[in-house]
Amino acid sequence: MTPVNSMGRQLGMSLFISLLVPGVLAGQTAIWWLDQRQRATLATNLRQETVSVLAALSPGANGVRLERQALDPAYRRPLSGRYFLVITPQARWRSRSLWDTQLEAPLQEGLSATLVEGPRKQKLLRYRAHYQMDGQLIIVVVAQDYAPQLEDFTRLKTGGLVAWILLLAVLAAVQQGLIRRGLRPLRQVRRQLKQFRQGQRTTLDKNVVRELKPLVEEVNRLQEDTERQLRRSRHALGDLGHGLKTPLAVMKNQCRTQLLALSPVLADSLNKQLSQIEANIKRALGRARIAAGATPANRFTPAEDVPLLVHTLERAHDRDLNLKIEGSLPPALPLEREDMLEILGNLLDNAYKWAHQTVILSLQRQSAALIISVTDDGPGIAPSQRQAVLARGQRLDQQVPGHGLGLDIVNDMVEAYGGELSLDGNPGGGLQVQVRLPLPPPRG
């Protein structure tokens, strides 16, 4: 999952939760309000019921008595959901509808805030009223099954929650579409940054939305500053290399001309030391250039750079050799162009020197590495001598032109990149040199 998509999902989830929680709280509040309104309405009805029960009471010789025929038939039908309890100083009556269940009187007058268990697990809402008859206190308690209303509230709450979640799902889908549309400029900038990293562009497109223009301008300015600094550093290294190369060349020339006549041994020793100094300077400058890193302006592009290098080597050696390039050359790579040309130049130069008829070049990009393979059909190198040929300044045949530092320099540059160089025999005869250079892993 890309960071932009992840941000979109996080925004969508945050919005979904931010709407779900208030919606649930609002629904719960609405259910509570409906419950209170329903109870207030039933309280009025229950108060009227206490009056109807009181009307069934009449004074007698032995006190107050209850005329059951005057009661509502619901009070005589078992488990009807409507019940009463009458308490006087001399007697206590309860409705037949209670059957064998006892009804507890609320402690305070008016509607009871708590529901009690009734017959068949009914939820009873109770109302208590006080009256006076013949100087006696009459307590009338009426109750009604409130379970149907609770079930209605539960269904309403469940239905409302499901409807709200479905509505939020639709809103989330619409919102995701809007977020993806809004983040499209970020994806465009991200693609351009990837192209920028791979060397396919040198600047970001300034034709972006207003909110991203400051970011794009700062990245472009940073790139320009980096290019400028690296350009100055490379010029300084080039000046240093040229500045040292001339005095060394003069000293080596004097060794070959003047000192050689006076002391051949001293001239040969001094010439070797100067060659070693020259190789060390070249190696140090190469490492410094590698440390500077590659930028989009100097990325190695095999499809463009390798044919030019091969053409130059063919003209320099002027031999009737068959150079084969296996596979297709990869596009721009995050490697410094000058370093890669020097590595390939040395490898191909050695192959041209030793090959009889054929040189094969292969460049393959893997997920995290570039594999370079140069194969020739020359005499090859014995396995026991392959490690020695990589030692500084070593050559196996002094008759072949060259300073003998080619593979040594390549090995140093490969090590500076954190890669590996290996020498193997060619099954058809000759030598195969393989270089493995690590590459930054591709990003999604």
Protein backbone atom coordinates (compact mmCIF):
# COMPACT_ATOMS: atom_id res chain seq x y z
CA MET A 1 0.00 0.00 0.00
CA THR A 2 1.40 3.35 -1.01
CA PRO A 3 1.62 6.24 1.51
CA VAL A 4 -0.94 8.31 -0.46
CA ASN A 5 -3.45 5.46 -0.50
CA SER A 6 -2.76 4.79 3.18
CA MET A 7 -3.41 8.44 4.00
CA GLY A 8 -6.67 8.30 2.04
CA ARG A 9 -7.78 5.20 3.94
CA GLN A 10 -6.87 6.80 7.26
CA LEU A 11 -8.86 9.91 6.39
CA GLY A 12 -11.81 7.75 5.36
CA MET A 13 -11.65 5.68 8.53
CA SER A 14 -11.35 8.78 10.70
CA LEU A 15 -14.36 10.37 9.02
CA PHE A 16 -16.37 7.13 9.34
CA ILE A 17 -15.64 6.87 13.07
CA SER A 18 -16.19 10.60 13.63
CA LEU A 19 -19.67 10.26 12.10
CA LEU A 20 -20.52 6.85 13.56
CA VAL A 21 -19.90 7.75 17.21
CA PRO A 22 -21.95 11.00 17.20
CA GLY A 23 -24.66 9.22 15.21
CA VAL A 24 -24.89 6.43 17.77
CA LEU A 25 -24.93 8.94 20.63
CA ALA A 26 -27.60 11.01 18.89
CA GLY A 27 -29.69 7.89 18.26
CA GLN A 28 -29.33 6.78 21.87
CA THR A 29 -30.35 10.25 23.04
CA ALA A 30 -33.39 10.18 20.75
CA ILE A 31 -34.44 6.78 22.10
CA TRP A 32 -34.05 8.05 25.66
CA TRP A 33 -36.15 11.12 24.86
CA LEU A 34 -38.88 8.97 23.28
CA ASP A 35 -38.86 6.72 26.32
CA GLN A 36 -39.30 9.68 28.63
CA ARG A 37 -42.12 11.08 26.52
CA GLN A 38 -43.83 7.68 26.45
CA ARG A 39 -43.58 7.34 30.20
CA ALA A 40 -44.96 10.84 30.71
CA THR A 41 -47.93 9.98 28.49
CA LEU A 42 -48.53 6.68 30.29
CA ALA A 43 -48.27 8.46 33.65
CA THR A 44 -51.31 10.54 32.72
CA ASN A 45 -53.19 7.42 31.65
CA LEU A 46 -52.22 5.52 34.79
CA ARG A 47 -53.37 8.40 36.98
CA GLN A 48 -56.76 8.14 35.26
CA GLU A 49 -56.69 4.41 35.94
CA THR A 50 -56.22 5.03 39.66
CA VAL A 51 -59.36 7.19 39.58
CA SER A 52 -61.33 4.39 37.84
CA VAL A 53 -60.13 1.89 40.46
CA LEU A 54 -61.04 4.33 43.23
CA ALA A 55 -64.52 4.57 41.74
CA ALA A 56 -64.97 0.83 42.34
CA LEU A 57 -64.50 1.41 46.09
CA SER A 58 -67.48 2.19 48.29
CA PRO A 59 -67.89 2.76 52.04
CA GLY A 60 -69.62 0.07 54.06
CA ALA A 61 -70.54 -0.83 57.63
CA ASN A 62 -67.24 -2.62 58.13
CA GLY A 63 -65.18 -0.09 56.20
CA VAL A 64 -64.34 0.35 52.54
CA ARG A 65 -65.22 -2.47 50.16
CA LEU A 66 -64.30 -3.19 46.51
CA GLU A 67 -66.97 -3.70 43.85
CA ARG A 68 -65.11 -5.87 41.32
CA GLN A 69 -67.94 -5.74 38.80
CA ALA A 70 -67.32 -2.03 38.46
CA LEU A 71 -63.69 -2.61 37.40
CA ASP A 72 -62.38 -2.67 33.87
CA PRO A 73 -62.57 -6.25 32.48
CA ALA A 74 -58.81 -6.14 31.82
CA TYR A 75 -58.24 -6.32 35.59
CA ARG A 76 -60.26 -9.56 35.76
CA ARG A 77 -58.49 -11.27 32.82
CA PRO A 78 -55.37 -13.24 33.98
CA LEU A 79 -52.01 -11.86 32.83
CA SER A 80 -53.66 -9.12 30.80
CA GLY A 81 -50.80 -6.69 31.34
CA ARG A 82 -52.91 -4.29 33.45
CA TYR A 83 -52.89 -4.66 37.21
CA PHE A 84 -53.84 -2.81 40.39
CA LEU A 85 -53.29 -2.94 44.13
CA VAL A 86 -55.51 -1.22 46.73
CA ILE A 87 -54.29 -0.75 50.28
CA THR A 88 -56.55 0.43 53.13
CA PRO A 89 -56.08 0.32 56.90
CA GLN A 90 -58.42 -2.72 57.11
CA ALA A 91 -57.82 -4.59 53.81
CA ARG A 92 -55.60 -5.15 50.78
CA TRP A 93 -56.97 -6.00 47.31
CA ARG A 94 -55.16 -6.89 44.10
CA SER A 95 -56.47 -7.52 40.61
CA ARG A 96 -57.29 -11.05 39.43
CA SER A 97 -55.09 -10.37 36.40
CA LEU A 98 -52.04 -10.72 38.63
CA TRP A 99 -52.96 -14.37 39.12
CA ASP A 100 -50.49 -15.62 41.76
CA THR A 101 -47.96 -12.80 41.32
CA GLN A 102 -47.42 -10.21 44.03
CA LEU A 103 -47.27 -6.53 43.06
CA GLU A 104 -45.00 -4.33 45.16
CA ALA A 105 -46.15 -0.78 45.82
CA PRO A 106 -43.71 2.03 44.97
CA LEU A 107 -42.31 3.85 47.96
CA GLN A 108 -43.26 7.30 46.70
CA GLU A 109 -46.40 8.76 45.21
CA GLY A 110 -46.54 9.26 41.45
CA LEU A 111 -44.88 7.39 38.60
CA SER A 112 -42.09 5.04 39.63
CA ALA A 113 -38.87 5.51 37.73
CA THR A 114 -37.94 1.83 37.96
CA LEU A 115 -39.52 -1.11 36.21
CA VAL A 116 -40.29 -4.29 38.16
CA GLU A 117 -40.66 -7.87 37.06
CA GLY A 118 -44.25 -8.93 36.40
CA PRO A 119 -45.97 -12.13 35.33
CA ARG A 120 -44.31 -13.96 32.45
CA LYS A 121 -41.30 -11.67 32.73
CA GLN A 122 -43.34 -8.60 31.92
CA LYS A 123 -41.82 -5.20 32.71
CA LEU A 124 -44.29 -3.25 34.84
CA LEU A 125 -44.54 0.52 34.93
CA ARG A 126 -46.23 1.53 38.21
CA TYR A 127 -48.13 4.57 39.43
CA ARG A 128 -49.02 5.26 43.07
CA ALA A 129 -51.84 7.62 44.16
CA HIS A 130 -53.14 8.62 47.61
CA TYR A 131 -56.85 9.31 48.32
CA GLN A 132 -59.08 9.94 51.38
CA MET A 133 -62.38 8.10 51.91
CA ASP A 134 -64.37 8.41 55.16
CA GLY A 135 -61.29 9.84 56.81
CA GLN A 136 -59.17 6.86 55.79
CA LEU A 137 -56.05 6.86 53.60
CA ILE A 138 -56.57 4.84 50.43
CA ILE A 139 -53.47 3.85 48.42
CA VAL A 140 -54.11 2.84 44.84
CA VAL A 141 -51.32 1.36 42.73
CA VAL A 142 -51.85 0.60 39.05
CA ALA A 143 -49.32 -1.04 36.74
CA GLN A 144 -49.03 -1.64 33.03
CA ASP A 145 -46.78 -3.92 31.02
CA TYR A 146 -44.09 -1.73 29.44
CA ALA A 147 -42.31 -4.58 27.56
CA PRO A 148 -43.98 -3.87 24.17
CA GLN A 149 -42.73 -0.28 24.25
CA LEU A 150 -39.23 -1.49 25.17
CA GLU A 151 -39.29 -3.93 22.27
CA ASP A 152 -40.37 -1.14 19.94
CA PHE A 153 -37.52 1.01 21.17
CA THR A 154 -35.06 -1.86 20.64
CA ARG A 155 -36.30 -2.44 17.09
CA LEU A 156 -36.17 1.27 16.42
CA LYS A 157 -32.64 1.49 17.81
CA THR A 158 -31.43 -1.53 15.82
CA GLY A 159 -33.07 -0.33 12.62
CA GLY A 160 -31.74 3.16 13.10
CA LEU A 161 -28.23 1.87 13.74
CA VAL A 162 -28.29 -0.36 10.65
CA ALA A 163 -29.67 2.47 8.52
CA TRP A 164 -27.03 4.86 9.87
CA ILE A 165 -24.22 2.41 9.17
CA LEU A 166 -25.49 1.84 5.62
CA LEU A 167 -25.72 5.58 5.11
CA LEU A 168 -22.19 6.00 6.45
CA ALA A 169 -20.96 3.24 4.15
CA VAL A 170 -22.40 5.12 1.18
CA LEU A 171 -20.92 8.38 2.45
CA ALA A 172 -17.57 6.67 3.02
CA ALA A 173 -17.55 5.38 -0.56
CA VAL A 174 -18.36 8.83 -1.89
CA GLN A 175 -15.83 10.38 0.44
CA GLN A 176 -13.12 7.92 -0.68
CA GLY A 177 -13.77 8.94 -4.26
CA LEU A 178 -13.47 12.59 -3.33
CA ILE A 179 -10.28 11.93 -1.33
CA ARG A 180 -8.70 10.01 -4.21
CA ARG A 181 -9.60 12.86 -6.52
CA GLY A 182 -8.20 15.39 -4.07
CA LEU A 183 -4.97 13.40 -3.59
CA ARG A 184 -4.42 12.94 -7.32
CA PRO A 185 -1.95 15.88 -7.45
CA LEU A 186 0.07 14.21 -4.67
CA ARG A 187 0.22 10.99 -6.68
CA GLN A 188 1.42 12.98 -9.67
CA VAL A 189 4.18 14.61 -7.60
CA ARG A 190 5.08 11.19 -6.19
CA ARG A 191 5.42 9.73 -9.71
CA GLN A 192 7.59 12.65 -10.73
CA LEU A 193 9.78 12.17 -7.64
CA LYS A 194 10.21 8.52 -8.61
CA GLN A 195 11.18 9.58 -12.14
CA PHE A 196 13.46 12.18 -10.58
CA ARG A 197 15.16 9.50 -8.46
CA GLN A 198 15.56 7.18 -11.46
CA GLY A 199 17.14 9.92 -13.56
CA GLN A 200 14.23 10.28 -15.98
CA ARG A 201 13.76 13.97 -15.17
CA THR A 202 15.84 16.75 -13.59
CA THR A 203 13.04 18.95 -12.22
CA LEU A 204 9.48 18.57 -11.02
CA ASP A 205 6.60 19.89 -13.09
CA LYS A 206 5.53 23.28 -11.79
CA ASN A 207 2.06 22.94 -13.25
CA VAL A 208 0.47 21.67 -10.03
CA VAL A 209 -2.30 22.80 -7.72
CA ARG A 210 -1.70 25.94 -5.73
CA GLU A 211 -1.23 24.11 -2.43
CA LEU A 212 1.66 22.01 -3.79
CA LYS A 213 3.51 24.77 -5.64
CA PRO A 214 5.67 25.80 -2.62
CA LEU A 215 6.75 22.16 -2.10
CA VAL A 216 7.59 21.64 -5.78
CA GLU A 217 9.52 24.91 -5.95
CA GLU A 218 11.54 24.03 -2.84
CA VAL A 219 12.39 20.56 -4.22
CA ASN A 220 13.49 22.09 -7.52
CA ARG A 221 15.61 24.68 -5.73
CA LEU A 222 17.17 21.97 -3.58
CA GLN A 223 17.98 19.94 -6.70
CA GLU A 224 19.57 22.94 -8.38
CA ASP A 225 21.69 23.68 -5.30
CA THR A 226 22.77 20.03 -5.06
CA GLU A 227 23.67 19.91 -8.75
CA ARG A 228 25.62 23.14 -8.42
CA GLN A 229 27.60 21.89 -5.40
CA LEU A 230 28.33 18.51 -7.00
CA ARG A 231 29.38 20.24 -10.21
CA ARG A 232 31.84 22.41 -8.26
CA SER A 233 33.13 19.35 -6.41
CA ARG A 234 33.66 17.40 -9.63
CA HIS A 235 35.40 20.35 -11.26
CA ALA A 236 37.64 20.66 -8.23
CA LEU A 237 38.46 16.95 -8.36
CA GLY A 238 39.13 17.19 -12.09
CA ASP A 239 41.42 20.18 -11.59
CA LEU A 240 43.24 18.33 -8.83
CA GLY A 241 43.65 15.27 -11.03
CA HIS A 242 44.98 17.29 -13.95
CA GLY A 243 47.18 19.32 -11.63
CA LEU A 244 48.84 16.19 -10.27
CA LYS A 245 48.95 14.31 -13.55
CA THR A 246 51.24 16.81 -15.29
CA PRO A 247 54.04 16.86 -12.66
CA LEU A 248 53.91 13.07 -12.42
CA ALA A 249 54.17 12.74 -16.19
CA VAL A 250 57.17 15.10 -16.21
CA MET A 251 58.89 13.12 -13.46
CA LYS A 252 58.24 9.80 -15.19
CA ASN A 253 59.56 11.21 -18.45
CA GLN A 254 62.73 12.41 -16.71
CA CYS A 255 63.14 8.93 -15.23
CA ARG A 256 62.93 7.38 -18.70
CA THR A 257 65.27 9.90 -20.33
CA GLN A 258 67.73 11.44 -17.92
CA LEU A 259 67.86 9.18 -14.88
CA LEU A 260 67.75 5.97 -16.92
CA ALA A 261 71.16 6.74 -18.44
CA LEU A 262 72.69 7.47 -15.04
CA SER A 263 71.16 4.63 -12.99
CA PRO A 264 68.81 2.18 -14.69
CA VAL A 265 67.98 0.46 -11.40
CA LEU A 266 67.12 3.73 -9.65
CA ALA A 267 65.13 4.89 -12.68
CA ASP A 268 63.10 1.68 -12.76
CA SER A 269 62.43 1.84 -9.00
CA LEU A 270 61.45 5.48 -9.12
CA ASN A 271 59.25 4.89 -12.15
CA LYS A 272 57.39 2.11 -10.31
CA GLN A 273 56.85 4.35 -7.30
CA LEU A 274 55.56 7.17 -9.51
CA SER A 275 53.20 4.72 -11.24
CA GLN A 276 51.97 3.58 -7.86
CA ILE A 277 51.41 7.19 -6.78
CA GLU A 278 49.52 7.85 -10.02
CA ALA A 279 47.33 4.79 -9.46
CA ASN A 280 46.63 5.78 -5.84
CA ILE A 281 45.68 9.32 -6.86
CA LYS A 282 43.39 7.98 -9.56
CA ARG A 283 41.84 5.54 -7.11
CA ALA A 284 41.30 8.22 -4.44
CA LEU A 285 39.74 10.62 -6.92
CA GLY A 286 37.45 7.84 -8.13
CA ARG A 287 36.33 7.04 -4.58
CA ALA A 288 35.65 10.72 -3.90
CA ARG A 289 33.57 10.95 -7.05
CA ILE A 290 31.61 7.84 -6.05
CA ALA A 291 30.97 9.28 -2.60
CA ALA A 292 29.47 12.37 -4.22
CA GLY A 293 26.74 10.16 -5.65
CA ALA A 294 24.77 10.31 -8.86
CA THR A 295 22.23 12.93 -9.74
CA PRO A 296 19.60 12.97 -12.49
CA ALA A 297 21.92 15.03 -14.66
CA ASN A 298 24.78 12.48 -14.62
CA ARG A 299 22.93 9.16 -14.36
CA PHE A 300 24.27 6.20 -16.29
CA THR A 301 22.03 5.35 -19.26
CA PRO A 302 23.30 2.07 -20.79
CA ALA A 303 21.08 2.29 -23.87
CA GLU A 304 22.79 5.57 -24.82
CA ASP A 305 26.27 5.36 -23.22
CA VAL A 306 27.31 1.76 -24.00
CA PRO A 307 27.13 2.07 -27.84
CA LEU A 308 29.30 5.21 -27.71
CA LEU A 309 31.83 3.44 -25.47
CA VAL A 310 31.94 0.38 -27.74
CA HIS A 311 32.45 2.57 -30.81
CA THR A 312 35.36 4.35 -29.13
CA LEU A 313 37.04 1.06 -28.13
CA GLU A 314 36.62 -0.40 -31.61
CA ARG A 315 38.35 2.59 -33.11
CA ALA A 316 41.11 2.51 -30.48
CA HIS A 317 41.95 -1.20 -30.91
CA ASP A 318 41.24 -1.48 -34.63
CA ARG A 319 40.86 -5.29 -34.47
CA ASP A 320 38.53 -7.57 -36.35
CA LEU A 321 36.54 -8.69 -33.30
CA ASN A 322 32.93 -9.64 -32.95
CA LEU A 323 31.31 -7.80 -30.04
CA LYS A 324 27.96 -9.21 -28.95
CA ILE A 325 25.60 -7.47 -26.54
CA GLU A 326 23.30 -10.00 -24.92
CA GLY A 327 19.79 -8.93 -24.05
CA SER A 328 18.47 -5.40 -24.09
CA LEU A 329 20.32 -2.60 -22.38
CA PRO A 330 18.46 -1.25 -19.32
CA PRO A 331 17.29 2.39 -19.12
CA ALA A 332 18.72 5.02 -16.79
CA LEU A 333 20.26 3.62 -13.60
CA PRO A 334 21.01 5.38 -10.27
CA LEU A 335 24.78 5.09 -10.88
CA GLU A 336 27.33 7.77 -11.77
CA ARG A 337 27.94 7.86 -15.52
CA GLU A 338 31.69 8.50 -15.43
CA ASP A 339 32.27 5.67 -12.94
CA MET A 340 30.29 3.18 -15.02
CA LEU A 341 32.07 4.19 -18.22
CA GLU A 342 35.42 3.69 -16.48
CA ILE A 343 34.37 0.26 -15.15
CA LEU A 344 33.02 -0.88 -18.51
CA GLY A 345 35.91 0.76 -20.36
CA ASN A 346 38.53 -1.15 -18.36
CA LEU A 347 36.66 -4.47 -18.60
CA LEU A 348 36.10 -4.18 -22.34
CA ASP A 349 39.64 -2.90 -22.89
CA ASN A 350 41.09 -5.99 -21.23
CA ALA A 351 38.71 -8.23 -23.18
CA TYR A 352 39.73 -6.56 -26.48
CA LYS A 353 43.41 -7.08 -25.66
CA TRP A 354 43.10 -10.80 -24.97
CA ALA A 355 40.18 -11.97 -27.12
CA HIS A 356 40.77 -13.96 -30.30
CA GLN A 357 37.50 -13.35 -32.10
CA THR A 358 34.55 -12.70 -29.77
CA VAL A 359 33.70 -10.45 -26.82
CA ILE A 360 30.29 -10.74 -25.16
CA LEU A 361 28.82 -7.97 -22.99
CA SER A 362 25.75 -8.36 -20.82
CA LEU A 363 24.03 -5.86 -18.49
CA GLN A 364 21.08 -7.17 -16.51
CA ARG A 365 19.15 -5.22 -13.93
CA GLN A 366 17.73 -7.28 -11.10
CA SER A 367 15.50 -6.06 -8.29
CA ALA A 368 18.39 -4.81 -6.17
CA ALA A 369 21.52 -5.09 -8.31
CA LEU A 370 23.08 -4.51 -11.72
CA ILE A 371 24.94 -7.57 -13.10
CA ILE A 372 27.68 -6.77 -15.62
CA SER A 373 29.30 -9.65 -17.46
CA VAL A 374 32.18 -9.37 -19.95
CA THR A 375 33.31 -12.62 -21.62
CA ASP A 376 36.14 -13.17 -24.10
CA ASP A 377 37.47 -16.22 -25.95
CA GLY A 378 41.12 -15.50 -25.20
CA PRO A 379 43.63 -17.67 -23.31
CA GLY A 380 41.89 -17.02 -19.98
CA ILE A 381 43.51 -17.02 -16.54
CA ALA A 382 44.33 -20.09 -14.51
CA PRO A 383 42.23 -20.40 -11.31
CA SER A 384 45.38 -20.18 -9.17
CA GLN A 385 46.30 -16.81 -10.73
CA ARG A 386 42.88 -15.10 -10.73
CA GLN A 387 43.26 -13.63 -7.27
CA ALA A 388 46.76 -12.41 -7.99
CA VAL A 389 45.71 -10.53 -11.12
CA LEU A 390 43.49 -8.29 -8.96
CA ALA A 391 46.49 -7.20 -6.85
CA ARG A 392 47.60 -3.67 -7.50
CA GLY A 393 49.67 -3.33 -10.67
CA GLN A 394 49.90 -7.04 -11.40
CA ARG A 395 50.01 -8.29 -15.01
CA LEU A 396 50.41 -11.80 -16.33
CA ASP A 397 51.90 -10.86 -19.67
CA GLN A 398 54.22 -7.89 -19.90
CA GLN A 399 54.12 -8.06 -23.71
CA VAL A 400 50.53 -6.94 -23.93
CA PRO A 401 50.31 -3.12 -24.04
CA GLY A 402 48.81 -1.45 -21.01
CA HIS A 403 49.71 -0.42 -17.49
CA GLY A 404 48.17 -3.50 -15.88
CA LEU A 405 45.94 -1.58 -13.47
CA GLY A 406 42.62 -2.10 -15.29
CA LEU A 407 41.11 -4.87 -13.21
CA ASP A 408 42.67 -3.44 -10.06
CA ILE A 409 40.98 -0.07 -10.64
CA VAL A 410 37.69 -1.79 -11.47
CA ASN A 411 37.93 -3.86 -8.30
CA ASP A 412 38.51 -0.73 -6.21
CA MET A 413 35.56 1.09 -7.75
CA VAL A 414 33.30 -1.93 -7.32
CA GLU A 415 34.27 -2.19 -3.66
CA ALA A 416 33.57 1.53 -3.23
CA TYR A 417 30.03 0.89 -4.49
CA GLY A 418 29.69 -2.05 -2.10
CA GLY A 419 29.64 -4.55 -4.98
CA GLU A 420 31.52 -7.71 -5.93
CA LEU A 421 33.88 -8.65 -8.76
CA SER A 422 34.53 -12.25 -9.74
CA LEU A 423 36.70 -13.98 -12.36
CA ASP A 424 35.52 -17.25 -13.89
CA GLY A 425 36.48 -19.40 -16.80
CA ASN A 426 34.51 -19.32 -20.03
CA PRO A 427 33.22 -22.81 -20.95
CA GLY A 428 34.27 -22.16 -24.57
CA GLY A 429 37.70 -20.93 -23.48
CA GLY A 430 38.69 -17.52 -22.23
CA LEU A 431 37.69 -15.43 -19.22
CA GLN A 432 34.41 -14.19 -17.83
CA VAL A 433 34.49 -11.14 -15.57
CA GLN A 434 31.29 -10.52 -13.61
CA VAL A 435 30.51 -7.41 -11.58
CA ARG A 436 27.57 -7.11 -9.22
CA LEU A 437 26.67 -3.55 -8.17
CA PRO A 438 23.88 -2.96 -5.62
CA LEU A 439 21.03 -0.65 -6.60
CA PRO A 440 18.46 1.11 -4.45
CA PRO A 441 15.37 -1.13 -4.31
CA PRO A 442 12.48 0.04 -6.51
CA ARG A 443 9.76 1.83 -4.56
CA GLY A 444 6.03 1.42 -5.14
